[in-house]
Amino acid sequence: MKKLLLLAILPFMISCNGQKKIDLLKLNLNEPIKNVVDFNDNLLIGVETVEYPFCLLIDVKKSEKYSFEGIDLDGQKIIFQINAEKLKTDSISRFGGAHIDLKPVKNENELTNTLQNFNAENKIYGLRIEMKNPGLKSQILKKIELKYGRGTKNPNTDNGLYWNLKKENKYIFFAPDYDRLIILNSTNLSKTCYWDTFNGLLDFGGCENEKYTQELMKSTTKPENTKNKPIIKIDKNWNVNNLIIGKSTEYDFVESQTNKNFERMVEIDGSTGNINEMMYKNEYHDFYFYLSASKKNPENRKENQIIGYAINDFRKVEISFENGLKTGMKFEDVVKLFDKNSIIDYEGLKFANYIEIKNGPYKTTLNFDKKMLFSGMFVK
């Protein structure tokens, strides 16, 4: 009975003030989420593709609930990973790896609703500890080496190490260059490969990168199966749906039929407070509008002008052209549609997989896929 009781409380330690702490190294990493978080803490749940793109994350800030082999982690940022089949998509490669969508979660009902929205499990399978303090990095490394011996050098980083603990079904990734310690339950993960932005691609032996990547992104919607495709008409002057490049305003766009499923994004210069870039993005359909912000009043939508757009994958839209272009046209057939003098660097086309066309003060770029078929475009 005493032995069973000891095992039951093993993952915890008691601090001087009597607060029960969870020892993160002793977790099996299959615990129910509600058993490892405190809803009184500052909890955020959602997607953060820089941290890790293929799962749901719970971000715990400034908690006093955690320790690591006797090391107090008060105030350290802790992140728990949750398997979510819906998030196994190519979002990081298409959106540049900077997609962040986190929201507060204050009780078990809000947690349950979010898990259902993402088709996610109600248990964790991994954790990430922020280690910004050099002393903390050193302490944590000593604890890991004392228990598991010296790790394997990560060839992708200067100081990274990893442990493949087959008997415990765990991976440990020590990534001090990026201030992270990552511990995962490997039961349902690849036994030959691992990748994240802080560790790069690691080969545990026999890694087939292409097969591994396909598994990570198995829930990606095929472009041809995209729903509610926008209807797009490009006129002879490369304007889109009667929105005139360099003339139409943000107000015109917002009031138009084209403005469906777009999100407004503004990039601000932290030192001056000025807007560096303004855009509207429809990531699901790979459709983007770029705008210049008014220097006097960037919140006046009638003063912000459309200066370009991008349609990255024609398979996700219904598009037509007034100038004879058609999606899927061969490179050489597209070249024949235009006067040589209108093509930028005509002589260099034999080495290119795109065509740049003069467009007044702007430039129209026609993009082609691996088979050299017309597949996307960019005007700016």
Protein backbone atom coordinates (compact mmCIF):
# COMPACT_ATOMS: atom_id res chain seq x y z
CA MET A 1 0.00 0.00 0.00
CA LYS A 2 2.83 2.39 0.84
CA LYS A 3 4.50 1.59 -2.48
CA LEU A 4 1.33 2.34 -4.42
CA LEU A 5 0.86 5.62 -2.59
CA LEU A 6 4.43 6.65 -3.38
CA LEU A 7 3.94 5.94 -7.08
CA ALA A 8 0.71 7.92 -7.10
CA ILE A 9 2.35 11.12 -5.86
CA LEU A 10 5.67 10.67 -7.66
CA PRO A 11 5.03 13.32 -10.38
CA PHE A 12 4.55 15.99 -7.74
CA MET A 13 6.60 17.91 -5.21
CA ILE A 14 5.51 20.17 -2.35
CA SER A 15 6.94 23.68 -2.10
CA CYS A 16 7.63 25.54 1.12
CA ASN A 17 4.24 27.27 1.00
CA GLY A 18 2.47 23.92 0.62
CA GLN A 19 1.58 24.29 -3.05
CA LYS A 20 1.61 21.04 -5.02
CA LYS A 21 3.90 21.20 -8.06
CA ILE A 22 3.99 18.95 -11.11
CA ASP A 23 7.45 17.58 -11.95
CA LEU A 24 7.43 17.81 -15.73
CA LEU A 25 10.18 15.25 -16.25
CA LYS A 26 8.13 12.61 -14.44
CA LEU A 27 5.03 12.99 -16.61
CA ASN A 28 4.15 10.10 -18.92
CA LEU A 29 2.88 12.69 -21.42
CA ASN A 30 -0.47 11.02 -21.90
CA GLU A 31 -2.18 12.78 -18.97
CA PRO A 32 -5.60 14.45 -19.35
CA ILE A 33 -5.15 18.16 -20.01
CA LYS A 34 -7.19 19.19 -16.97
CA ASN A 35 -4.74 17.27 -14.75
CA VAL A 36 -1.70 19.30 -15.86
CA VAL A 37 -3.09 22.84 -16.11
CA ASP A 38 -4.68 25.20 -13.62
CA PHE A 39 -7.50 27.34 -15.02
CA ASN A 40 -6.55 30.05 -12.55
CA ASP A 41 -3.29 30.49 -14.48
CA ASN A 42 -2.92 32.61 -17.61
CA LEU A 43 -3.75 29.96 -20.24
CA LEU A 44 -3.87 30.43 -24.00
CA ILE A 45 -4.88 27.69 -26.43
CA GLY A 46 -4.57 27.53 -30.20
CA VAL A 47 -2.08 27.49 -33.06
CA GLU A 48 1.43 28.96 -33.17
CA THR A 49 3.27 27.68 -36.23
CA VAL A 50 6.67 29.08 -35.25
CA GLU A 51 6.58 26.98 -32.08
CA TYR A 52 5.12 23.89 -33.76
CA PRO A 53 2.65 23.84 -36.66
CA PHE A 54 1.12 20.38 -36.54
CA CYS A 55 -0.61 20.30 -33.16
CA LEU A 56 -2.70 22.32 -30.75
CA LEU A 57 -0.79 24.21 -28.04
CA ILE A 58 -1.66 25.32 -24.52
CA ASP A 59 0.57 28.21 -23.49
CA VAL A 60 0.99 28.63 -19.71
CA LYS A 61 2.63 31.89 -18.59
CA LYS A 62 4.08 32.76 -15.18
CA SER A 63 2.65 29.73 -13.43
CA GLU A 64 3.84 28.52 -10.02
CA LYS A 65 2.63 24.99 -10.66
CA TYR A 66 5.68 23.31 -12.23
CA SER A 67 9.13 21.96 -11.42
CA PHE A 68 11.79 19.90 -13.20
CA GLU A 69 13.65 17.31 -11.13
CA GLY A 70 13.67 19.63 -8.13
CA ILE A 71 14.29 22.81 -10.18
CA ASP A 72 11.56 25.36 -9.49
CA LEU A 73 10.03 26.66 -12.73
CA ASP A 74 8.04 29.52 -11.20
CA GLY A 75 7.39 32.14 -13.86
CA GLN A 76 8.76 30.07 -16.74
CA LYS A 77 6.68 29.72 -19.88
CA ILE A 78 5.39 26.16 -20.29
CA ILE A 79 3.70 24.85 -23.44
CA PHE A 80 1.77 21.60 -23.69
CA GLN A 81 1.25 19.86 -27.04
CA ILE A 82 -2.05 18.20 -27.95
CA ASN A 83 -2.64 15.97 -30.94
CA ALA A 84 -5.12 17.55 -33.36
CA GLU A 85 -5.67 15.79 -36.66
CA LYS A 86 -7.22 18.91 -38.17
CA LEU A 87 -3.90 20.78 -37.84
CA LYS A 88 -1.81 18.31 -39.84
CA THR A 89 -1.67 20.58 -42.87
CA ASP A 90 0.91 22.47 -44.95
CA SER A 91 0.18 25.79 -43.21
CA ILE A 92 3.78 26.51 -42.20
CA SER A 93 5.16 26.14 -45.71
CA ARG A 94 2.40 28.18 -47.36
CA PHE A 95 2.00 30.91 -44.78
CA GLY A 96 5.66 31.45 -43.94
CA GLY A 97 5.62 29.81 -40.51
CA ALA A 98 4.26 32.81 -38.64
CA HIS A 99 0.60 31.98 -38.14
CA ILE A 100 -0.53 32.71 -34.58
CA ASP A 101 -4.08 32.17 -33.36
CA LEU A 102 -4.21 31.81 -29.56
CA LYS A 103 -7.12 32.65 -27.30
CA PRO A 104 -7.67 32.53 -23.52
CA VAL A 105 -9.19 29.43 -21.96
CA LYS A 106 -10.63 29.97 -18.47
CA ASN A 107 -12.53 26.79 -17.66
CA GLU A 108 -13.07 23.19 -18.65
CA ASN A 109 -16.07 23.99 -20.86
CA GLU A 110 -14.05 26.43 -22.96
CA LEU A 111 -11.28 23.84 -23.21
CA THR A 112 -13.72 21.15 -24.36
CA ASN A 113 -15.23 23.43 -27.02
CA THR A 114 -11.81 24.31 -28.42
CA LEU A 115 -10.73 20.67 -28.52
CA GLN A 116 -13.87 19.78 -30.45
CA ASN A 117 -13.31 22.61 -32.94
CA PHE A 118 -9.83 21.30 -33.72
CA ASN A 119 -10.74 17.60 -33.59
CA ALA A 120 -8.15 17.33 -30.82
CA GLU A 121 -7.54 14.78 -28.09
CA ASN A 122 -8.24 15.65 -24.44
CA LYS A 123 -4.76 14.61 -23.31
CA ILE A 124 -1.24 15.93 -23.84
CA TYR A 125 1.53 14.17 -25.71
CA GLY A 126 4.36 16.65 -25.20
CA LEU A 127 5.64 19.74 -23.46
CA ARG A 128 8.01 22.61 -24.11
CA ILE A 129 9.86 24.63 -21.46
CA GLU A 130 11.18 28.13 -22.22
CA MET A 131 14.78 28.51 -20.97
CA LYS A 132 15.89 32.11 -21.41
CA ASN A 133 18.13 32.09 -18.35
CA PRO A 134 21.62 30.58 -19.01
CA GLY A 135 21.70 29.28 -15.45
CA LEU A 136 18.40 27.44 -15.96
CA LYS A 137 19.71 25.86 -19.16
CA SER A 138 22.77 24.57 -17.32
CA GLN A 139 20.72 23.21 -14.39
CA ILE A 140 18.25 21.42 -16.64
CA LEU A 141 20.99 19.87 -18.78
CA LYS A 142 22.76 18.54 -15.68
CA LYS A 143 19.53 16.94 -14.45
CA ILE A 144 18.91 15.25 -17.79
CA GLU A 145 22.48 13.99 -18.13
CA LEU A 146 22.46 12.71 -14.55
CA LYS A 147 19.39 10.63 -15.31
CA TYR A 148 19.94 9.62 -18.96
CA GLY A 149 23.62 10.19 -19.72
CA ARG A 150 25.08 12.37 -22.47
CA GLY A 151 22.82 13.16 -25.37
CA THR A 152 23.38 12.87 -29.10
CA LYS A 153 24.65 16.03 -30.84
CA ASN A 154 22.06 17.73 -33.00
CA PRO A 155 23.86 18.33 -36.33
CA ASN A 156 21.50 21.18 -37.23
CA THR A 157 22.31 23.54 -34.32
CA ASP A 158 25.41 24.73 -32.50
CA ASN A 159 24.58 23.39 -29.04
CA GLY A 160 21.54 21.16 -29.46
CA LEU A 161 21.32 17.64 -28.01
CA TYR A 162 18.68 14.94 -28.08
CA TRP A 163 17.81 11.66 -26.35
CA ASN A 164 15.79 8.84 -27.94
CA LEU A 165 14.52 7.00 -24.86
CA LYS A 166 12.98 3.90 -26.40
CA LYS A 167 12.21 2.13 -23.11
CA GLU A 168 10.26 5.14 -21.84
CA ASN A 169 8.75 5.98 -25.24
CA LYS A 170 10.10 9.52 -25.01
CA TYR A 171 12.10 11.98 -27.05
CA ILE A 172 13.98 14.78 -25.31
CA PHE A 173 15.27 17.70 -27.38
CA PHE A 174 17.57 20.19 -25.64
CA ALA A 175 17.66 23.28 -27.89
CA PRO A 176 19.49 26.01 -25.92
CA ASP A 177 20.17 28.07 -29.06
CA TYR A 178 16.40 28.62 -29.21
CA ASP A 179 15.74 28.64 -25.44
CA ARG A 180 13.72 25.42 -25.51
CA LEU A 181 13.55 22.03 -23.85
CA ILE A 182 11.08 19.74 -25.64
CA ILE A 183 9.88 16.39 -24.31
CA LEU A 184 7.49 14.19 -26.30
CA ASN A 185 5.74 10.87 -25.90
CA SER A 186 7.04 9.00 -28.95
CA THR A 187 4.41 6.23 -28.90
CA ASN A 188 2.45 7.64 -31.85
CA LEU A 189 5.29 9.59 -33.48
CA SER A 190 7.72 8.54 -36.19
CA LYS A 191 10.48 6.26 -34.92
CA THR A 192 12.91 7.34 -37.64
CA CYS A 193 12.40 11.11 -38.12
CA TYR A 194 11.69 14.27 -36.17
CA TRP A 195 11.33 17.88 -37.29
CA ASP A 196 10.48 21.23 -35.74
CA THR A 197 11.69 24.78 -36.33
CA PHE A 198 14.05 24.73 -33.33
CA ASN A 199 15.72 21.38 -34.03
CA GLY A 200 15.57 20.96 -37.79
CA LEU A 201 15.15 17.50 -39.31
CA LEU A 202 16.69 14.70 -37.26
CA ASP A 203 17.32 11.20 -38.61
CA PHE A 204 17.12 8.49 -35.94
CA GLY A 205 18.06 5.89 -38.55
CA GLY A 206 16.25 5.10 -41.80
CA CYS A 207 14.40 8.40 -42.03
CA GLU A 208 12.47 8.82 -45.29
CA ASN A 209 11.93 12.56 -45.32
CA GLU A 210 9.28 12.71 -48.05
CA LYS A 211 7.16 9.96 -46.45
CA TYR A 212 7.54 11.59 -43.02
CA THR A 213 6.50 14.99 -44.36
CA GLN A 214 3.44 13.52 -46.05
CA GLU A 215 2.38 11.98 -42.74
CA LEU A 216 2.81 15.31 -40.92
CA MET A 217 0.57 17.01 -43.48
CA LYS A 218 -1.91 14.20 -44.12
CA SER A 219 -4.93 16.41 -43.38
CA THR A 220 -4.04 19.02 -45.98
CA THR A 221 -6.92 19.77 -48.32
CA LYS A 222 -6.02 19.08 -51.94
CA PRO A 223 -6.20 22.34 -53.89
CA GLU A 224 -8.70 20.93 -56.35
CA ASN A 225 -11.00 20.03 -53.44
CA THR A 226 -11.07 23.58 -52.03
CA LYS A 227 -14.62 24.73 -51.33
CA ASN A 228 -16.38 28.04 -52.10
CA LYS A 229 -13.77 29.10 -54.65
CA PRO A 230 -13.69 32.86 -55.33
CA ILE A 231 -14.75 33.94 -58.84
CA ILE A 232 -12.01 36.12 -60.32
CA LYS A 233 -11.93 38.05 -63.59
CA ILE A 234 -8.67 39.66 -64.75
CA ASP A 235 -9.03 42.41 -67.37
CA LYS A 236 -6.53 43.33 -70.10
CA ASN A 237 -4.82 45.80 -67.76
CA TRP A 238 -4.36 43.14 -65.04
CA ASN A 239 -7.01 44.63 -62.76
CA VAL A 240 -9.03 42.11 -60.74
CA ASN A 241 -12.83 42.14 -60.44
CA ASN A 242 -13.02 45.83 -61.41
CA LEU A 243 -10.63 46.80 -58.61
CA ILE A 244 -8.08 49.10 -60.28
CA ILE A 245 -4.47 48.72 -59.13
CA GLY A 246 -3.13 52.07 -57.91
CA LYS A 247 -6.57 53.68 -57.90
CA SER A 248 -9.14 51.60 -56.01
CA THR A 249 -9.10 52.03 -52.25
CA GLU A 250 -9.41 49.82 -49.22
CA TYR A 251 -13.00 51.09 -48.93
CA ASP A 252 -13.72 49.93 -52.50
CA PHE A 253 -12.36 46.47 -51.68
CA VAL A 254 -14.27 46.13 -48.41
CA GLU A 255 -17.52 47.11 -50.11
CA SER A 256 -16.96 44.80 -53.10
CA GLN A 257 -18.24 41.27 -53.68
CA THR A 258 -14.62 40.10 -53.75
CA ASN A 259 -14.22 40.72 -50.02
CA LYS A 260 -15.24 37.32 -48.69
CA ASN A 261 -13.19 35.33 -46.17
CA PHE A 262 -10.40 37.93 -46.10
CA GLU A 263 -8.55 38.97 -42.94
CA ARG A 264 -7.03 42.44 -42.55
CA MET A 265 -3.37 42.41 -41.50
CA VAL A 266 -1.19 45.41 -40.59
CA GLU A 267 2.56 45.35 -39.96
CA ILE A 268 3.70 48.21 -37.70
CA ASP A 269 7.22 49.55 -37.24
CA GLY A 270 7.89 49.14 -33.53
CA SER A 271 10.26 52.10 -33.36
CA THR A 272 8.13 54.67 -35.18
CA GLY A 273 4.61 53.29 -34.95
CA ASN A 274 4.21 53.71 -38.71
CA ILE A 275 2.51 51.05 -40.81
CA ASN A 276 5.07 49.17 -42.91
CA GLU A 277 2.60 47.02 -44.81
CA MET A 278 -1.12 46.51 -45.06
CA MET A 279 -2.78 43.51 -46.63
CA TYR A 280 -5.94 41.44 -46.82
CA LYS A 281 -5.39 37.70 -46.89
CA ASN A 282 -7.55 34.71 -47.71
CA GLU A 283 -5.17 31.91 -46.78
CA TYR A 284 -7.57 29.08 -47.55
CA HIS A 285 -7.73 30.16 -51.19
CA ASP A 286 -4.17 31.59 -51.39
CA PHE A 287 -5.56 34.97 -52.47
CA TYR A 288 -4.02 38.26 -51.20
CA PHE A 289 -4.41 42.02 -51.69
CA TYR A 290 -1.63 44.51 -50.83
CA LEU A 291 -2.32 48.15 -49.93
CA SER A 292 -0.40 51.34 -49.29
CA ALA A 293 -1.35 53.07 -46.05
CA SER A 294 -2.22 56.75 -45.96
CA LYS A 295 0.52 58.69 -44.17
CA LYS A 296 -2.00 61.17 -42.79
CA ASN A 297 -4.73 58.80 -41.64
CA PRO A 298 -4.21 55.06 -42.26
CA GLU A 299 -7.54 54.31 -40.57
CA ASN A 300 -9.38 56.17 -43.32
CA ARG A 301 -10.12 53.34 -45.72
CA LYS A 302 -10.83 55.76 -48.55
CA GLU A 303 -7.20 56.94 -48.45
CA ASN A 304 -5.48 53.52 -48.51
CA GLN A 305 -4.86 52.31 -52.07
CA ILE A 306 -4.64 48.82 -53.53
CA ILE A 307 -1.11 48.41 -54.91
CA GLY A 308 -1.10 44.74 -55.80
CA TYR A 309 -2.50 41.26 -55.39
CA ALA A 310 -1.40 37.63 -55.51
CA ILE A 311 -3.21 34.46 -56.54
CA ASN A 312 -0.80 31.69 -55.67
CA ASP A 313 -2.69 28.60 -56.79
CA PHE A 314 -5.26 28.72 -59.57
CA ARG A 315 -6.68 25.36 -58.48
CA LYS A 316 -8.22 27.11 -55.48
CA VAL A 317 -10.11 29.78 -57.43
CA GLU A 318 -12.35 30.13 -60.49
CA ILE A 319 -10.38 32.52 -62.70
CA SER A 320 -10.73 33.90 -66.21
CA PHE A 321 -8.67 36.35 -68.30
CA GLU A 322 -9.64 38.89 -70.98
CA ASN A 323 -6.25 38.66 -72.73
CA GLY A 324 -6.40 35.02 -73.83
CA LEU A 325 -4.59 33.47 -70.88
CA LYS A 326 -5.92 30.22 -69.45
CA THR A 327 -4.87 28.31 -66.36
CA GLY A 328 -2.63 25.35 -67.10
CA MET A 329 -1.23 26.83 -70.32
CA LYS A 330 2.26 25.77 -71.32
CA PHE A 331 5.08 28.24 -70.74
CA GLU A 332 5.90 28.60 -74.43
CA ASP A 333 2.25 29.23 -75.34
CA VAL A 334 1.95 31.99 -72.74
CA VAL A 335 5.07 33.71 -74.11
CA LYS A 336 3.45 33.86 -77.58
CA LEU A 337 0.52 35.89 -76.23
CA PHE A 338 2.68 38.92 -75.44
CA ASP A 339 4.82 41.35 -77.39
CA LYS A 340 8.53 40.75 -76.77
CA ASN A 341 9.00 44.35 -75.71
CA SER A 342 6.45 43.97 -72.92
CA ILE A 343 8.33 41.07 -71.35
CA ILE A 344 11.08 41.92 -68.87
CA ASP A 345 14.37 40.16 -69.77
CA TYR A 346 12.91 38.33 -72.75
CA GLU A 347 16.28 36.74 -73.58
CA GLY A 348 16.49 35.18 -70.13
CA LEU A 349 13.20 33.30 -70.42
CA LYS A 350 14.94 30.07 -71.44
CA PHE A 351 16.38 29.88 -67.92
CA ALA A 352 13.22 30.99 -66.04
CA ASN A 353 10.11 29.36 -64.61
CA TYR A 354 8.21 32.66 -64.52
CA ILE A 355 7.42 35.55 -66.88
CA GLU A 356 7.57 39.20 -65.82
CA ILE A 357 5.48 41.67 -67.81
CA LYS A 358 5.64 45.46 -67.75
CA ASN A 359 2.48 46.93 -66.28
CA GLY A 360 2.88 50.71 -66.11
CA PRO A 361 4.48 51.50 -62.72
CA TYR A 362 3.77 47.91 -61.66
CA LYS A 363 4.98 44.48 -62.69
CA THR A 364 2.92 41.38 -63.42
CA THR A 365 4.61 38.06 -62.67
CA LEU A 366 3.17 34.86 -64.14
CA ASN A 367 4.24 31.73 -62.27
CA PHE A 368 4.54 28.15 -63.54
CA ASP A 369 4.58 24.80 -61.73
CA LYS A 370 7.12 21.95 -62.01
CA LYS A 371 5.60 20.92 -65.33
CA MET A 372 5.93 24.53 -66.57
CA LEU A 373 2.16 25.04 -66.64
CA PHE A 374 0.59 28.42 -65.76
CA SER A 375 -0.36 28.07 -62.09
CA GLY A 376 -0.34 31.45 -60.30
CA MET A 377 0.32 35.17 -60.57
CA PHE A 378 1.48 38.25 -58.67
CA VAL A 379 0.92 41.94 -59.46
CA LYS A 380 2.71 44.69 -57.56
